[in-house]
Amino acid sequence: MFPLVCELADDGIDVTVACRVLNVSRSGYYEWRTGVKSGRAQQNELLAKVIEKIHSESRGTYGAPRVHAELVLGLGERVNRKRVARLMREAGLQGLYRRRTRGCTRRDPAADPYPDLVDRDFTAAGPDWLWVTDITEHHTREGKVYCAAVLDVYSRRVVGWSIDDNMRTELVTDALGMAILRRKPVGDGSTVLHSDHGSQFTSWAFGRRLVEAGIVPSMGSIGDCYDNSMMESFWGTMQLELLDSRKWESRTELATGIFEWIECWYNPIRRHSSIGMLSPVDFEARHTDPDQDH
């Protein structure tokens, strides 16, 4: 289009008008005409390199919103989100988009479930007010790996987790034990733990661990696809960013991958739109010290 702009300009048509009619940028035209890149073009080249670095360091998972947040909140850059999205498109970069997934627990028909104290309201005014928990599974060439996790609703932080080659009750009691050890809940009933009706969560051993820690149990309604939606969202994120990212040869390899993803990426670094584009660790630090700059 630039040669056509040149022809129109030679015929006496204003360059600005010609560029608008042909839907090309005037700065791009002058860059083509003179061979000298505009200041804006040079800035875009530098910004594109930073964007590519952020995208790479996010393991290829960040889309424009999180890349923009990293530029603004992490690096202090002043840049428009639409500009970031355009540069990402031009560079062929895009984020991963979560698909919905479900846990893998099975209900014990003979068990007496706990009441639903959450009623789909997955909000909390502070840390350790509401935890959610569930189990997921994934294949390796060696066999399945099962992972139980406990998530703090306030910050989306994984406060406890465990991995095993089976779904016995120890899988969930170990994850709960880690959460209790790390967070040290007050034990006066101010912490609620919400789960589905899986037999592991209605077991005597799991219930005893809750009583010992002074944690109040809660269970969603049977057959409700939204009864533990926050955990399902978390599993979907892990599925997309980690589990489906490669073929896993052994249980040990996948267990190591889960550990590294939770402790080195998800909790301390990964930005979440639901908590102001901060990581769970940074969000909790701001709760502890509201004046801290992140």
C-alpha atoms as a PDB file:
ATOM      1  CA  MET A   1       0.000   0.000   0.000  1.00  0.00           C
ATOM      2  CA  PHE A   2       2.889   2.375   0.657  1.00  0.00           C
ATOM      3  CA  PRO A   3       3.828   2.718  -3.056  1.00  0.00           C
ATOM      4  CA  LEU A   4       0.196   3.620  -3.751  1.00  0.00           C
ATOM      5  CA  VAL A   5       0.313   6.291  -1.044  1.00  0.00           C
ATOM      6  CA  CYS A   6       3.442   7.634  -2.717  1.00  0.00           C
ATOM      7  CA  GLU A   7       1.677   7.808  -6.074  1.00  0.00           C
ATOM      8  CA  LEU A   8      -1.308   9.608  -4.561  1.00  0.00           C
ATOM      9  CA  ALA A   9       1.001  12.070  -2.803  1.00  0.00           C
ATOM     10  CA  ASP A  10       2.790  12.759  -6.066  1.00  0.00           C
ATOM     11  CA  ASP A  11      -0.624  13.530  -7.572  1.00  0.00           C
ATOM     12  CA  GLY A  12      -1.134  16.230  -4.940  1.00  0.00           C
ATOM     13  CA  ILE A  13      -3.281  14.274  -2.447  1.00  0.00           C
ATOM     14  CA  ASP A  14      -2.449  14.946   1.183  1.00  0.00           C
ATOM     15  CA  VAL A  15      -0.432  12.077   2.709  1.00  0.00           C
ATOM     16  CA  THR A  16      -2.629  11.995   5.829  1.00  0.00           C
ATOM     17  CA  VAL A  17      -5.768  11.609   3.717  1.00  0.00           C
ATOM     18  CA  ALA A  18      -4.175   8.944   1.507  1.00  0.00           C
ATOM     19  CA  CYS A  19      -3.025   6.908   4.528  1.00  0.00           C
ATOM     20  CA  ARG A  20      -6.455   7.119   6.152  1.00  0.00           C
ATOM     21  CA  VAL A  21      -8.237   6.016   2.969  1.00  0.00           C
ATOM     22  CA  LEU A  22      -5.840   3.102   2.443  1.00  0.00           C
ATOM     23  CA  ASN A  23      -5.911   2.202   6.172  1.00  0.00           C
ATOM     24  CA  VAL A  24      -2.161   2.439   6.726  1.00  0.00           C
ATOM     25  CA  SER A  25      -0.216   4.435   9.293  1.00  0.00           C
ATOM     26  CA  ARG A  26       1.376   7.700   8.307  1.00  0.00           C
ATOM     27  CA  SER A  27       4.448   6.932  10.433  1.00  0.00           C
ATOM     28  CA  GLY A  28       4.763   3.592   8.652  1.00  0.00           C
ATOM     29  CA  TYR A  29       4.632   5.341   5.317  1.00  0.00           C
ATOM     30  CA  TYR A  30       7.384   7.812   6.231  1.00  0.00           C
ATOM     31  CA  GLU A  31       9.462   4.966   7.649  1.00  0.00           C
ATOM     32  CA  TRP A  32       9.102   3.128   4.337  1.00  0.00           C
ATOM     33  CA  ARG A  33       9.837   6.279   2.372  1.00  0.00           C
ATOM     34  CA  THR A  34      12.935   7.372   4.310  1.00  0.00           C
ATOM     35  CA  GLY A  35      14.230   4.035   5.559  1.00  0.00           C
ATOM     36  CA  VAL A  36      14.427   5.476   9.087  1.00  0.00           C
ATOM     37  CA  LYS A  37      12.278   3.900  11.821  1.00  0.00           C
ATOM     38  CA  SER A  38      10.112   6.231  13.820  1.00  0.00           C
ATOM     39  CA  GLY A  39      10.560   6.614  17.559  1.00  0.00           C
ATOM     40  CA  ARG A  40       7.296   4.741  18.077  1.00  0.00           C
ATOM     41  CA  ALA A  41       8.493   1.826  15.946  1.00  0.00           C
ATOM     42  CA  GLN A  42      11.736   1.636  17.905  1.00  0.00           C
ATOM     43  CA  GLN A  43       9.807   1.684  21.179  1.00  0.00           C
ATOM     44  CA  ASN A  44       7.571  -1.105  19.907  1.00  0.00           C
ATOM     45  CA  GLU A  45      10.596  -3.224  19.032  1.00  0.00           C
ATOM     46  CA  LEU A  46      11.999  -2.856  22.546  1.00  0.00           C
ATOM     47  CA  LEU A  47       8.612  -3.460  24.139  1.00  0.00           C
ATOM     48  CA  ALA A  48       8.064  -6.551  22.007  1.00  0.00           C
ATOM     49  CA  LYS A  49      11.318  -8.038  23.306  1.00  0.00           C
ATOM     50  CA  VAL A  50      10.226  -7.457  26.909  1.00  0.00           C
ATOM     51  CA  ILE A  51       6.822  -8.990  26.142  1.00  0.00           C
ATOM     52  CA  GLU A  52       8.447 -12.067  24.623  1.00  0.00           C
ATOM     53  CA  LYS A  53      10.604 -12.462  27.739  1.00  0.00           C
ATOM     54  CA  ILE A  54       7.587 -12.174  30.070  1.00  0.00           C
ATOM     55  CA  HIS A  55       5.638 -14.673  27.963  1.00  0.00           C
ATOM     56  CA  SER A  56       8.556 -17.108  27.993  1.00  0.00           C
ATOM     57  CA  GLU A  57       9.064 -16.784  31.745  1.00  0.00           C
ATOM     58  CA  SER A  58       5.357 -17.491  32.250  1.00  0.00           C
ATOM     59  CA  ARG A  59       5.969 -20.862  30.564  1.00  0.00           C
ATOM     60  CA  GLY A  60       3.995 -19.640  27.596  1.00  0.00           C
ATOM     61  CA  THR A  61       0.814 -19.353  29.680  1.00  0.00           C
ATOM     62  CA  TYR A  62       0.250 -15.588  29.942  1.00  0.00           C
ATOM     63  CA  GLY A  63      -2.142 -13.833  27.603  1.00  0.00           C
ATOM     64  CA  ALA A  64      -2.301 -10.075  27.079  1.00  0.00           C
ATOM     65  CA  PRO A  65      -4.023  -9.256  30.431  1.00  0.00           C
ATOM     66  CA  ARG A  66      -1.339 -10.925  32.580  1.00  0.00           C
ATOM     67  CA  VAL A  67       1.532  -9.736  30.367  1.00  0.00           C
ATOM     68  CA  HIS A  68       0.138  -6.214  30.691  1.00  0.00           C
ATOM     69  CA  ALA A  69      -0.101  -6.633  34.478  1.00  0.00           C
ATOM     70  CA  GLU A  70       3.510  -7.791  34.640  1.00  0.00           C
ATOM     71  CA  LEU A  71       4.624  -4.761  32.619  1.00  0.00           C
ATOM     72  CA  VAL A  72       2.656  -2.295  34.751  1.00  0.00           C
ATOM     73  CA  LEU A  73       2.725  -3.843  38.230  1.00  0.00           C
ATOM     74  CA  GLY A  74       5.963  -5.777  37.970  1.00  0.00           C
ATOM     75  CA  LEU A  75       8.154  -3.502  35.858  1.00  0.00           C
ATOM     76  CA  GLY A  76       6.488  -0.122  36.337  1.00  0.00           C
ATOM     77  CA  GLU A  77       5.951   0.442  32.617  1.00  0.00           C
ATOM     78  CA  ARG A  78       3.232   2.769  31.352  1.00  0.00           C
ATOM     79  CA  VAL A  79       1.676   0.967  28.422  1.00  0.00           C
ATOM     80  CA  ASN A  80      -1.820   0.474  27.053  1.00  0.00           C
ATOM     81  CA  ARG A  81      -3.264  -3.047  27.225  1.00  0.00           C
ATOM     82  CA  LYS A  82      -4.464  -2.875  23.606  1.00  0.00           C
ATOM     83  CA  ARG A  83      -0.925  -2.087  22.517  1.00  0.00           C
ATOM     84  CA  VAL A  84       0.349  -5.148  24.380  1.00  0.00           C
ATOM     85  CA  ALA A  85      -2.322  -7.321  22.756  1.00  0.00           C
ATOM     86  CA  ARG A  86      -1.414  -6.010  19.286  1.00  0.00           C
ATOM     87  CA  LEU A  87       2.310  -6.616  19.756  1.00  0.00           C
ATOM     88  CA  MET A  88       1.590 -10.118  21.025  1.00  0.00           C
ATOM     89  CA  ARG A  89      -0.529 -10.866  17.965  1.00  0.00           C
ATOM     90  CA  GLU A  90       2.200  -9.569  15.667  1.00  0.00           C
ATOM     91  CA  ALA A  91       4.728 -11.792  17.454  1.00  0.00           C
ATOM     92  CA  GLY A  92       2.432 -14.824  17.326  1.00  0.00           C
ATOM     93  CA  LEU A  93       2.191 -15.015  21.112  1.00  0.00           C
ATOM     94  CA  GLN A  94      -0.936 -16.043  22.987  1.00  0.00           C
ATOM     95  CA  GLY A  95      -1.861 -17.335  26.411  1.00  0.00           C
ATOM     96  CA  LEU A  96      -3.381 -20.619  27.465  1.00  0.00           C
ATOM     97  CA  TYR A  97      -7.085 -20.673  28.199  1.00  0.00           C
ATOM     98  CA  ARG A  98      -8.421 -22.907  30.904  1.00  0.00           C
ATOM     99  CA  ARG A  99     -10.915 -25.622  30.158  1.00  0.00           C
ATOM    100  CA  ARG A 100     -13.325 -26.844  32.769  1.00  0.00           C
ATOM    101  CA  THR A 101     -12.412 -30.021  34.615  1.00  0.00           C
ATOM    102  CA  ARG A 102     -13.723 -31.994  37.563  1.00  0.00           C
ATOM    103  CA  GLY A 103     -12.221 -33.804  40.512  1.00  0.00           C
ATOM    104  CA  CYS A 104     -12.192 -37.578  40.699  1.00  0.00           C
ATOM    105  CA  THR A 105     -13.655 -38.410  44.108  1.00  0.00           C
ATOM    106  CA  ARG A 106     -16.479 -40.923  44.572  1.00  0.00           C
ATOM    107  CA  ARG A 107     -19.311 -40.592  47.077  1.00  0.00           C
ATOM    108  CA  ASP A 108     -19.907 -43.118  49.844  1.00  0.00           C
ATOM    109  CA  PRO A 109     -23.734 -43.611  49.895  1.00  0.00           C
ATOM    110  CA  ALA A 110     -23.623 -44.796  53.502  1.00  0.00           C
ATOM    111  CA  ALA A 111     -21.735 -41.765  54.791  1.00  0.00           C
ATOM    112  CA  ASP A 112     -23.396 -38.925  56.652  1.00  0.00           C
ATOM    113  CA  PRO A 113     -22.342 -35.705  54.859  1.00  0.00           C
ATOM    114  CA  TYR A 114     -21.679 -32.377  56.544  1.00  0.00           C
ATOM    115  CA  PRO A 115     -23.957 -29.379  55.906  1.00  0.00           C
ATOM    116  CA  ASP A 116     -23.185 -26.886  53.161  1.00  0.00           C
ATOM    117  CA  LEU A 117     -21.905 -23.763  54.933  1.00  0.00           C
ATOM    118  CA  VAL A 118     -20.686 -22.077  51.735  1.00  0.00           C
ATOM    119  CA  ASP A 119     -23.677 -22.215  49.386  1.00  0.00           C
ATOM    120  CA  ARG A 120     -21.508 -21.375  46.353  1.00  0.00           C
ATOM    121  CA  ASP A 121     -20.274 -18.156  47.980  1.00  0.00           C
ATOM    122  CA  PHE A 122     -16.528 -18.596  47.531  1.00  0.00           C
ATOM    123  CA  THR A 123     -15.438 -15.357  49.169  1.00  0.00           C
ATOM    124  CA  ALA A 124     -13.472 -14.726  52.358  1.00  0.00           C
ATOM    125  CA  ALA A 125     -12.636 -11.530  54.239  1.00  0.00           C
ATOM    126  CA  GLY A 126      -9.202 -12.748  55.303  1.00  0.00           C
ATOM    127  CA  PRO A 127      -6.716 -15.634  55.268  1.00  0.00           C
ATOM    128  CA  ASP A 128      -7.777 -18.980  56.750  1.00  0.00           C
ATOM    129  CA  TRP A 129     -11.465 -18.126  56.894  1.00  0.00           C
ATOM    130  CA  LEU A 130     -12.413 -20.570  54.143  1.00  0.00           C
ATOM    131  CA  TRP A 131     -10.421 -23.415  52.630  1.00  0.00           C
ATOM    132  CA  VAL A 132     -11.522 -25.668  49.777  1.00  0.00           C
ATOM    133  CA  THR A 133     -10.152 -29.102  48.944  1.00  0.00           C
ATOM    134  CA  ASP A 134     -10.428 -31.816  46.297  1.00  0.00           C
ATOM    135  CA  ILE A 135      -8.544 -34.579  44.474  1.00  0.00           C
ATOM    136  CA  THR A 136      -7.489 -34.812  40.837  1.00  0.00           C
ATOM    137  CA  GLU A 137      -5.671 -37.490  38.822  1.00  0.00           C
ATOM    138  CA  HIS A 138      -3.416 -37.679  35.789  1.00  0.00           C
ATOM    139  CA  HIS A 139      -1.806 -40.446  33.760  1.00  0.00           C
ATOM    140  CA  THR A 140       1.873 -41.243  33.315  1.00  0.00           C
ATOM    141  CA  ARG A 141       3.362 -44.143  31.359  1.00  0.00           C
ATOM    142  CA  GLU A 142       3.951 -45.790  34.715  1.00  0.00           C
ATOM    143  CA  GLY A 143       0.379 -45.339  35.988  1.00  0.00           C
ATOM    144  CA  LYS A 144      -1.849 -42.709  37.554  1.00  0.00           C
ATOM    145  CA  VAL A 145      -0.789 -39.967  39.943  1.00  0.00           C
ATOM    146  CA  TYR A 146      -3.332 -38.555  42.397  1.00  0.00           C
ATOM    147  CA  CYS A 147      -3.032 -35.097  43.914  1.00  0.00           C
ATOM    148  CA  ALA A 148      -5.019 -33.605  46.800  1.00  0.00           C
ATOM    149  CA  ALA A 149      -4.826 -29.894  47.491  1.00  0.00           C
ATOM    150  CA  VAL A 150      -6.163 -27.403  50.025  1.00  0.00           C
ATOM    151  CA  LEU A 151      -6.720 -23.877  48.706  1.00  0.00           C
ATOM    152  CA  ASP A 152      -7.241 -20.698  50.740  1.00  0.00           C
ATOM    153  CA  VAL A 153     -10.200 -18.900  49.153  1.00  0.00           C
ATOM    154  CA  TYR A 154      -8.999 -15.454  50.244  1.00  0.00           C
ATOM    155  CA  SER A 155      -5.714 -15.499  48.344  1.00  0.00           C
ATOM    156  CA  ARG A 156      -6.085 -18.563  46.043  1.00  0.00           C
ATOM    157  CA  ARG A 157      -2.925 -19.884  47.704  1.00  0.00           C
ATOM    158  CA  VAL A 158      -2.309 -23.634  47.886  1.00  0.00           C
ATOM    159  CA  VAL A 159      -1.738 -24.093  51.608  1.00  0.00           C
ATOM    160  CA  GLY A 160      -1.504 -27.872  51.604  1.00  0.00           C
ATOM    161  CA  TRP A 161      -1.091 -30.651  49.069  1.00  0.00           C
ATOM    162  CA  SER A 162      -0.082 -34.301  48.765  1.00  0.00           C
ATOM    163  CA  ILE A 163       0.677 -36.752  45.965  1.00  0.00           C
ATOM    164  CA  ASP A 164       0.315 -40.544  45.845  1.00  0.00           C
ATOM    165  CA  ASP A 165      -0.378 -43.471  43.513  1.00  0.00           C
ATOM    166  CA  ASN A 166      -3.790 -44.096  45.100  1.00  0.00           C
ATOM    167  CA  MET A 167      -6.847 -42.253  46.439  1.00  0.00           C
ATOM    168  CA  ARG A 168      -6.881 -43.658  49.947  1.00  0.00           C
ATOM    169  CA  THR A 169      -7.831 -41.396  52.848  1.00  0.00           C
ATOM    170  CA  GLU A 170      -4.166 -40.686  53.650  1.00  0.00           C
ATOM    171  CA  LEU A 171      -3.982 -38.629  50.461  1.00  0.00           C
ATOM    172  CA  VAL A 172      -6.391 -36.008  51.807  1.00  0.00           C
ATOM    173  CA  THR A 173      -5.336 -36.196  55.450  1.00  0.00           C
ATOM    174  CA  ASP A 174      -1.735 -35.550  54.400  1.00  0.00           C
ATOM    175  CA  ALA A 175      -2.779 -32.473  52.384  1.00  0.00           C
ATOM    176  CA  LEU A 176      -4.847 -31.241  55.313  1.00  0.00           C
ATOM    177  CA  GLY A 177      -1.966 -31.920  57.684  1.00  0.00           C
ATOM    178  CA  MET A 178       0.360 -29.774  55.583  1.00  0.00           C
ATOM    179  CA  ALA A 179      -2.198 -26.951  55.552  1.00  0.00           C
ATOM    180  CA  ILE A 180      -2.591 -27.095  59.335  1.00  0.00           C
ATOM    181  CA  LEU A 181       1.170 -27.200  59.898  1.00  0.00           C
ATOM    182  CA  ARG A 182       1.816 -24.277  57.578  1.00  0.00           C
ATOM    183  CA  ARG A 183      -1.077 -22.018  58.506  1.00  0.00           C
ATOM    184  CA  LYS A 184      -1.638 -22.914  62.164  1.00  0.00           C
ATOM    185  CA  PRO A 185      -5.368 -22.037  62.187  1.00  0.00           C
ATOM    186  CA  VAL A 186      -6.645 -20.704  65.488  1.00  0.00           C
ATOM    187  CA  GLY A 187      -8.725 -23.821  66.083  1.00  0.00           C
ATOM    188  CA  ASP A 188     -11.786 -22.036  67.424  1.00  0.00           C
ATOM    189  CA  GLY A 189     -14.045 -22.923  64.510  1.00  0.00           C
ATOM    190  CA  SER A 190     -13.221 -19.784  62.533  1.00  0.00           C
ATOM    191  CA  THR A 191     -11.741 -21.825  59.655  1.00  0.00           C
ATOM    192  CA  VAL A 192     -14.162 -23.691  57.381  1.00  0.00           C
ATOM    193  CA  LEU A 193     -12.987 -26.476  55.036  1.00  0.00           C
ATOM    194  CA  HIS A 194     -15.310 -27.101  52.074  1.00  0.00           C
ATOM    195  CA  SER A 195     -15.220 -30.266  49.969  1.00  0.00           C
ATOM    196  CA  ASP A 196     -17.429 -32.492  47.851  1.00  0.00           C
ATOM    197  CA  HIS A 197     -19.000 -35.732  49.093  1.00  0.00           C
ATOM    198  CA  GLY A 198     -16.015 -37.940  48.216  1.00  0.00           C
ATOM    199  CA  SER A 199     -15.585 -40.914  50.517  1.00  0.00           C
ATOM    200  CA  GLN A 200     -12.145 -39.649  51.570  1.00  0.00           C
ATOM    201  CA  PHE A 201     -13.711 -36.457  52.974  1.00  0.00           C
ATOM    202  CA  THR A 202     -16.520 -38.274  54.808  1.00  0.00           C
ATOM    203  CA  SER A 203     -14.098 -40.785  56.338  1.00  0.00           C
ATOM    204  CA  TRP A 204     -13.630 -41.075  60.092  1.00  0.00           C
ATOM    205  CA  ALA A 205      -9.893 -40.297  59.863  1.00  0.00           C
ATOM    206  CA  PHE A 206     -10.429 -37.077  57.941  1.00  0.00           C
ATOM    207  CA  GLY A 207     -13.210 -35.971  60.270  1.00  0.00           C
ATOM    208  CA  ARG A 208     -11.060 -36.647  63.320  1.00  0.00           C
ATOM    209  CA  ARG A 209      -8.235 -34.531  61.875  1.00  0.00           C
ATOM    210  CA  LEU A 210     -10.661 -31.650  61.400  1.00  0.00           C
ATOM    211  CA  VAL A 211     -11.958 -31.938  64.956  1.00  0.00           C
ATOM    212  CA  GLU A 212      -8.431 -32.051  66.376  1.00  0.00           C
ATOM    213  CA  ALA A 213      -7.545 -28.843  64.519  1.00  0.00           C
ATOM    214  CA  GLY A 214     -10.786 -27.065  65.367  1.00  0.00           C
ATOM    215  CA  ILE A 215     -11.743 -26.720  61.690  1.00  0.00           C
ATOM    216  CA  VAL A 216     -15.417 -26.732  60.689  1.00  0.00           C
ATOM    217  CA  PRO A 217     -16.305 -29.075  57.775  1.00  0.00           C
ATOM    218  CA  SER A 218     -18.649 -28.135  54.944  1.00  0.00           C
ATOM    219  CA  MET A 219     -19.838 -30.053  51.884  1.00  0.00           C
ATOM    220  CA  GLY A 220     -21.560 -28.927  48.720  1.00  0.00           C
ATOM    221  CA  SER A 221     -24.888 -30.276  47.568  1.00  0.00           C
ATOM    222  CA  ILE A 222     -24.978 -33.601  45.730  1.00  0.00           C
ATOM    223  CA  GLY A 223     -24.990 -33.382  41.950  1.00  0.00           C
ATOM    224  CA  ASP A 224     -24.306 -29.647  41.899  1.00  0.00           C
ATOM    225  CA  CYS A 225     -21.657 -28.849  39.293  1.00  0.00           C
ATOM    226  CA  TYR A 226     -20.849 -25.602  41.123  1.00  0.00           C
ATOM    227  CA  ASP A 227     -20.566 -27.100  44.614  1.00  0.00           C
ATOM    228  CA  ASN A 228     -16.771 -26.696  44.651  1.00  0.00           C
ATOM    229  CA  SER A 229     -16.181 -24.465  41.646  1.00  0.00           C
ATOM    230  CA  MET A 230     -13.034 -22.790  42.965  1.00  0.00           C
ATOM    231  CA  MET A 231     -11.200 -26.102  43.254  1.00  0.00           C
ATOM    232  CA  GLU A 232     -12.423 -27.126  39.815  1.00  0.00           C
ATOM    233  CA  SER A 233     -11.039 -23.855  38.473  1.00  0.00           C
ATOM    234  CA  PHE A 234      -7.702 -24.541  40.137  1.00  0.00           C
ATOM    235  CA  TRP A 235      -7.533 -28.057  38.696  1.00  0.00           C
ATOM    236  CA  GLY A 236      -8.356 -26.654  35.269  1.00  0.00           C
ATOM    237  CA  THR A 237      -5.449 -24.226  35.535  1.00  0.00           C
ATOM    238  CA  MET A 238      -3.036 -26.962  36.606  1.00  0.00           C
ATOM    239  CA  GLN A 239      -4.327 -29.266  33.875  1.00  0.00           C
ATOM    240  CA  LEU A 240      -3.729 -26.663  31.200  1.00  0.00           C
ATOM    241  CA  GLU A 241      -0.443 -25.178  32.395  1.00  0.00           C
ATOM    242  CA  LEU A 242       1.238 -28.347  33.659  1.00  0.00           C
ATOM    243  CA  LEU A 243      -0.463 -31.723  33.303  1.00  0.00           C
ATOM    244  CA  ASP A 244      -1.326 -31.469  29.598  1.00  0.00           C
ATOM    245  CA  SER A 245       1.896 -29.663  28.691  1.00  0.00           C
ATOM    246  CA  ARG A 246       3.815 -32.894  28.010  1.00  0.00           C
ATOM    247  CA  LYS A 247       3.815 -36.684  28.240  1.00  0.00           C
ATOM    248  CA  TRP A 248       4.915 -37.828  31.680  1.00  0.00           C
ATOM    249  CA  GLU A 249       7.134 -40.897  31.816  1.00  0.00           C
ATOM    250  CA  SER A 250       6.922 -41.766  35.516  1.00  0.00           C
ATOM    251  CA  ARG A 251       5.043 -40.943  38.687  1.00  0.00           C
ATOM    252  CA  THR A 252       8.195 -39.441  40.173  1.00  0.00           C
ATOM    253  CA  GLU A 253       8.629 -37.124  37.202  1.00  0.00           C
ATOM    254  CA  LEU A 254       5.046 -35.876  37.438  1.00  0.00           C
ATOM    255  CA  ALA A 255       5.171 -35.547  41.239  1.00  0.00           C
ATOM    256  CA  THR A 256       8.285 -33.393  40.883  1.00  0.00           C
ATOM    257  CA  GLY A 257       6.531 -31.315  38.233  1.00  0.00           C
ATOM    258  CA  ILE A 258       3.503 -30.732  40.479  1.00  0.00           C
ATOM    259  CA  PHE A 259       5.708 -29.723  43.405  1.00  0.00           C
ATOM    260  CA  GLU A 260       7.674 -27.268  41.287  1.00  0.00           C
ATOM    261  CA  TRP A 261       4.533 -25.820  39.652  1.00  0.00           C
ATOM    262  CA  ILE A 262       2.786 -25.165  42.978  1.00  0.00           C
ATOM    263  CA  GLU A 263       5.711 -24.003  45.106  1.00  0.00           C
ATOM    264  CA  CYS A 264       7.869 -22.208  42.528  1.00  0.00           C
ATOM    265  CA  TRP A 265       5.269 -20.819  40.131  1.00  0.00           C
ATOM    266  CA  TYR A 266       1.607 -20.839  41.167  1.00  0.00           C
ATOM    267  CA  ASN A 267       1.914 -19.598  44.759  1.00  0.00           C
ATOM    268  CA  PRO A 268       4.788 -17.070  44.524  1.00  0.00           C
ATOM    269  CA  ILE A 269       4.666 -15.765  40.926  1.00  0.00           C
ATOM    270  CA  ARG A 270       1.549 -16.510  38.873  1.00  0.00           C
ATOM    271  CA  ARG A 271      -0.739 -13.475  38.612  1.00  0.00           C
ATOM    272  CA  HIS A 272      -4.473 -13.950  39.263  1.00  0.00           C
ATOM    273  CA  SER A 273      -7.142 -11.666  37.842  1.00  0.00           C
ATOM    274  CA  SER A 274      -9.415 -12.326  40.841  1.00  0.00           C
ATOM    275  CA  ILE A 275      -6.906 -10.828  43.311  1.00  0.00           C
ATOM    276  CA  GLY A 276      -5.846  -7.709  41.446  1.00  0.00           C
ATOM    277  CA  MET A 277      -3.317  -9.425  39.181  1.00  0.00           C
ATOM    278  CA  LEU A 278      -1.096 -10.280  42.157  1.00  0.00           C
ATOM    279  CA  SER A 279       0.306 -13.676  43.033  1.00  0.00           C
ATOM    280  CA  PRO A 280      -1.201 -15.440  46.082  1.00  0.00           C
ATOM    281  CA  VAL A 281       1.969 -14.808  48.105  1.00  0.00           C
ATOM    282  CA  ASP A 282       2.043 -11.100  47.213  1.00  0.00           C
ATOM    283  CA  PHE A 283      -1.673 -10.725  47.874  1.00  0.00           C
ATOM    284  CA  GLU A 284      -1.299 -12.184  51.364  1.00  0.00           C
ATOM    285  CA  ALA A 285       1.741  -9.995  52.018  1.00  0.00           C
ATOM    286  CA  ARG A 286      -0.377  -6.955  51.172  1.00  0.00           C
ATOM    287  CA  HIS A 287      -2.993  -8.155  53.659  1.00  0.00           C
ATOM    288  CA  THR A 288      -0.329  -8.395  56.354  1.00  0.00           C
ATOM    289  CA  ASP A 289       1.247  -5.058  55.406  1.00  0.00           C
ATOM    290  CA  PRO A 290      -1.201  -2.910  53.367  1.00  0.00           C
ATOM    291  CA  ASP A 291       1.490  -0.275  52.756  1.00  0.00           C
ATOM    292  CA  GLN A 292       3.886  -2.738  51.148  1.00  0.00           C
ATOM    293  CA  ASP A 293       4.575  -1.934  47.503  1.00  0.00           C
ATOM    294  CA  HIS A 294       4.118  -4.789  45.076  1.00  0.00           C
END
